[in-house]
Amino acid sequence: MALASEIEKISSSSSSTIKFNWKIKNFSKTTQMLSESDVFSVGCFKWKACIYPKGREKVYYHLSIFLVPVELPKTVSTEISFAIASQIDPNTAVRKEGKQNFLEGSTAAWGWPEFMPLNELHDPYKGYIVDDTCIITVEVTCWSKEEDSDDDDDEDAASSLGDNLTANQSSDPQPQGATQGKRTEIKEERQ
């Protein structure tokens, strides 16, 4: 069964930032290995979010989540945030943030292979999935090197492409290694 999803835009305060809720319906009934959001734009850059609802490759017990470039007309620096909030307790959420540089024309995704344990995600008492719907909040900010050229602090922002992976955990504790974002190739793995 395919996952039904919809995007509800929360804000787009400037052409360089977007924040939206990605509602994924029939979450527990899926037979797909990969689910993708609709394509969204941040300035001149096009992206999509993707999840592996049952884990990816050797990661079988975690939800995997990634930001995937669709169209990158130039090299771009990003700040990425994914969050899944409890629908029954708004003070509880799993949120991960990271910074990543993407090369012009890149198709390599970046995100968290171990975003959160599946047993926690599917626990009805935690409320991350209600009425078989999971809501993922996605926030992406983009800026190109030209926009950074006035900032001396960021002079090497584009030089650390692919090597300088950082992520900060801002809510519930995660398993060892789950807070580090990772670059990966997203393959069409639908069934």
Protein backbone atom coordinates (compact mmCIF):
# COMPACT_ATOMS: atom_id res chain seq x y z
CA MET A 1 0.00 0.00 0.00
CA ALA A 2 1.35 3.42 -0.93
CA LEU A 3 1.69 6.10 1.68
CA ALA A 4 -0.64 9.06 1.21
CA SER A 5 1.05 12.30 2.08
CA GLU A 6 0.40 16.00 2.00
CA ILE A 7 2.44 19.10 2.69
CA GLU A 8 1.08 21.86 4.91
CA LYS A 9 3.29 24.96 4.65
CA ILE A 10 3.96 26.53 8.05
CA SER A 11 6.14 29.44 6.99
CA SER A 12 8.37 30.74 4.28
CA SER A 13 9.71 33.92 5.85
CA SER A 14 12.16 34.56 3.05
CA SER A 15 13.16 33.02 -0.24
CA SER A 16 15.90 31.14 1.62
CA THR A 17 13.88 29.32 4.33
CA ILE A 18 10.87 27.02 4.31
CA LYS A 19 9.16 25.16 7.13
CA PHE A 20 6.31 22.72 6.58
CA ASN A 21 4.50 19.73 8.02
CA TRP A 22 4.66 16.58 5.94
CA LYS A 23 1.61 14.49 6.88
CA ILE A 24 1.98 10.82 6.01
CA LYS A 25 -1.28 8.86 6.16
CA ASN A 26 -1.66 5.05 6.35
CA PHE A 27 1.80 4.97 7.88
CA SER A 28 1.63 1.49 9.42
CA LYS A 29 0.04 -0.09 6.33
CA THR A 30 2.81 0.74 3.89
CA THR A 31 4.63 -1.90 1.94
CA GLN A 32 6.94 0.70 0.39
CA MET A 33 10.55 0.81 1.45
CA LEU A 34 10.86 4.51 0.48
CA SER A 35 8.43 7.42 0.73
CA GLU A 36 9.14 10.88 -0.68
CA SER A 37 7.52 14.25 -0.09
CA ASP A 38 6.42 16.45 -2.94
CA VAL A 39 9.21 18.60 -4.37
CA PHE A 40 9.55 21.96 -2.60
CA SER A 41 11.62 25.06 -3.36
CA VAL A 42 13.87 27.14 -1.17
CA GLY A 43 14.91 30.09 -3.31
CA CYS A 44 16.19 28.68 -6.62
CA PHE A 45 16.92 25.27 -5.06
CA LYS A 46 14.54 22.29 -5.31
CA TRP A 47 14.40 19.52 -2.73
CA LYS A 48 12.35 16.66 -1.40
CA ALA A 49 12.34 14.88 1.93
CA CYS A 50 12.39 11.12 2.03
CA ILE A 51 11.94 8.47 4.68
CA TYR A 52 12.49 4.77 4.92
CA PRO A 53 9.58 3.84 7.23
CA LYS A 54 11.16 0.48 8.09
CA GLY A 55 14.81 1.50 8.06
CA ARG A 56 17.35 1.48 5.26
CA GLU A 57 20.03 -1.04 4.25
CA LYS A 58 21.59 -2.36 7.47
CA VAL A 59 19.50 -0.07 9.70
CA TYR A 60 16.41 -2.19 10.35
CA TYR A 61 15.10 -0.85 13.65
CA HIS A 62 15.06 2.90 13.00
CA LEU A 63 13.18 5.37 10.86
CA SER A 64 15.66 6.79 8.33
CA ILE A 65 15.12 10.35 7.08
CA PHE A 66 16.96 12.43 4.46
CA LEU A 67 16.95 15.69 2.52
CA VAL A 68 17.35 14.99 -1.21
CA PRO A 69 18.46 17.62 -3.74
CA VAL A 70 16.32 17.67 -6.88
CA GLU A 71 17.70 20.71 -8.69
CA LEU A 72 20.80 22.59 -7.56
CA PRO A 73 21.83 25.28 -10.07
CA LYS A 74 24.83 26.18 -7.87
CA THR A 75 26.67 25.03 -4.75
CA VAL A 76 24.60 25.68 -1.64
CA SER A 77 25.01 25.58 2.14
CA THR A 78 22.02 24.36 4.15
CA GLU A 79 20.68 24.16 7.65
CA ILE A 80 18.31 21.22 7.95
CA SER A 81 15.88 20.29 10.69
CA PHE A 82 13.53 17.31 10.92
CA ALA A 83 11.15 16.82 13.85
CA ILE A 84 8.42 14.38 14.77
CA ALA A 85 6.28 15.72 17.60
CA SER A 86 3.96 13.68 19.74
CA GLN A 87 0.39 14.37 18.67
CA ILE A 88 -0.82 13.72 22.23
CA ASP A 89 1.91 15.57 24.16
CA PRO A 90 3.12 18.72 22.34
CA ASN A 91 6.08 18.99 24.75
CA THR A 92 7.56 15.74 23.46
CA ALA A 93 9.41 15.57 20.14
CA VAL A 94 12.35 13.97 18.44
CA ARG A 95 14.25 16.68 16.57
CA LYS A 96 17.56 16.62 14.76
CA GLU A 97 19.36 19.49 13.11
CA GLY A 98 22.40 19.65 10.90
CA LYS A 99 24.38 21.72 8.45
CA GLN A 100 25.51 20.44 5.09
CA ASN A 101 27.01 21.78 1.87
CA PHE A 102 25.76 20.43 -1.45
CA LEU A 103 27.69 20.72 -4.72
CA GLU A 104 26.05 22.11 -7.84
CA GLY A 105 24.14 19.33 -9.58
CA SER A 106 24.51 16.92 -6.63
CA THR A 107 21.95 14.17 -6.10
CA ALA A 108 23.43 12.72 -2.91
CA ALA A 109 21.01 12.92 0.00
CA TRP A 110 21.95 13.89 3.54
CA GLY A 111 20.25 12.97 6.79
CA TRP A 112 19.92 10.43 9.56
CA PRO A 113 19.88 6.67 8.91
CA GLU A 114 18.93 6.23 12.60
CA PHE A 115 16.54 9.13 13.13
CA MET A 116 14.48 7.36 15.79
CA PRO A 117 13.84 3.77 16.89
CA LEU A 118 10.80 2.19 15.26
CA ASN A 119 9.53 0.80 18.57
CA GLU A 120 9.40 4.37 19.94
CA LEU A 121 7.82 5.75 16.75
CA HIS A 122 5.04 3.12 16.78
CA ASP A 123 4.43 3.18 20.57
CA PRO A 124 0.76 4.30 20.89
CA TYR A 125 1.43 5.80 24.32
CA LYS A 126 4.03 8.19 22.86
CA GLY A 127 1.65 9.51 20.19
CA TYR A 128 4.03 9.98 17.26
CA ILE A 129 1.51 8.17 15.05
CA VAL A 130 -2.18 8.94 15.63
CA ASP A 131 -5.01 7.70 13.39
CA ASP A 132 -2.25 6.02 11.38
CA THR A 133 -0.83 9.46 10.46
CA CYS A 134 2.73 10.59 11.16
CA ILE A 135 3.57 14.30 10.91
CA ILE A 136 7.15 15.27 10.15
CA THR A 137 8.13 18.93 10.42
CA VAL A 138 10.77 19.85 7.86
CA GLU A 139 12.74 23.11 7.93
CA VAL A 140 15.38 23.97 5.35
CA THR A 141 17.44 27.16 5.03
CA CYS A 142 19.68 27.67 2.00
CA TRP A 143 22.34 30.19 1.11
CA SER A 144 24.91 30.20 -1.66
CA LYS A 145 28.56 31.22 -1.41
CA GLU A 146 27.78 34.58 -3.06
CA GLU A 147 25.37 35.38 -0.22
CA ASP A 148 28.11 34.51 2.32
CA SER A 149 30.85 36.56 0.69
CA ASP A 150 30.39 39.45 3.14
CA ASP A 151 30.88 37.14 6.14
CA ASP A 152 34.56 36.52 6.94
CA ASP A 153 33.55 33.83 9.44
CA ASP A 154 32.11 31.67 6.67
CA GLU A 155 34.94 31.95 4.13
CA ASP A 156 35.49 28.19 4.04
CA ALA A 157 31.80 27.20 4.07
CA ALA A 158 31.91 25.69 0.57
CA SER A 159 35.33 24.06 1.02
CA SER A 160 34.16 21.45 3.52
CA LEU A 161 31.77 19.75 1.12
CA GLY A 162 30.82 16.28 2.24
CA ASP A 163 33.43 16.08 4.99
CA ASN A 164 32.13 18.47 7.63
CA LEU A 165 28.97 16.76 8.86
CA THR A 166 27.45 18.23 11.99
CA ALA A 167 24.17 17.65 13.75
CA ASN A 168 22.81 18.74 17.09
CA GLN A 169 20.25 16.91 19.12
CA SER A 170 17.74 19.23 20.74
CA SER A 171 15.24 16.95 22.45
CA ASP A 172 14.96 13.36 23.64
CA PRO A 173 18.14 11.31 24.03
CA GLN A 174 18.96 9.14 21.03
CA PRO A 175 20.89 5.90 20.67
CA GLN A 176 24.66 6.11 20.30
CA GLY A 177 25.59 7.59 16.91
CA ALA A 178 22.03 8.57 15.97
CA THR A 179 22.68 12.32 16.11
CA GLN A 180 25.28 12.38 13.34
CA GLY A 181 23.90 13.17 9.90
CA LYS A 182 25.19 11.20 6.93
CA ARG A 183 25.48 11.66 3.17
CA THR A 184 23.98 8.82 1.14
CA GLU A 185 22.70 7.89 -2.28
CA ILE A 186 18.93 7.43 -2.37
CA LYS A 187 17.95 4.55 -4.61
CA GLU A 188 14.53 3.79 -5.96
CA GLU A 189 13.58 0.99 -3.56
CA ARG A 190 9.82 0.90 -3.92
CA GLN A 191 7.95 -2.37 -3.93
